[in-house]
Amino acid sequence: MIHRVLLVDDDPRDLRLTELALAQAGITSGVVKVQGGVEALESLRGETPSVVLLDLKMPGMDGLQVLREIRADDRLRAVPVVVLTSSREDRDIDDCYAHGANAFVVKPVKFQEYLSAIKDIAVFWLGRSEAPLGARTGWSRM
């Protein structure tokens, strides 16, 4: 099975680090990186990923707005969304789960811990859990 991962983060360093961690977990292709909410929604209009790793605090359209849009779209509603953020605010955690986040992961500060967290996410969401039909049959085109 080919896995598709949509990484959404406004920090290019975090995008690169996450991509590196995914590669160490064996995910070396099918990773799409975007640097904002609008770009994420544009990517999702044409392609259904196996999982979305979504930063929360971004300028313009933030991660919570992206999450709301994903959950409002019948085609994307079942796609797992892991919020990957530096926020530890109770309100952010509660809001994300209330709007359908599958997981809320605080980005570890230490390099090795960050790599380990991303590997854990990859093992679970791309190895242990079953993806929605659109992601299992390849990238859906509208």
Foldseek 3Di string as FASTA:
>chain_A
DQFAEEEEAQDPVVVVLLQVLVVVLVNPDRYHYDRDLVVSVVVLQFWAGLEYAAEADHPDQGRLNSLLVQCVDPVRNQRAYEHEYQDPDPVVVVSNVVSPHPYYHHQDPDSVVNSVVSSVVCCCSVNPDDGPPCNVVGIHGD
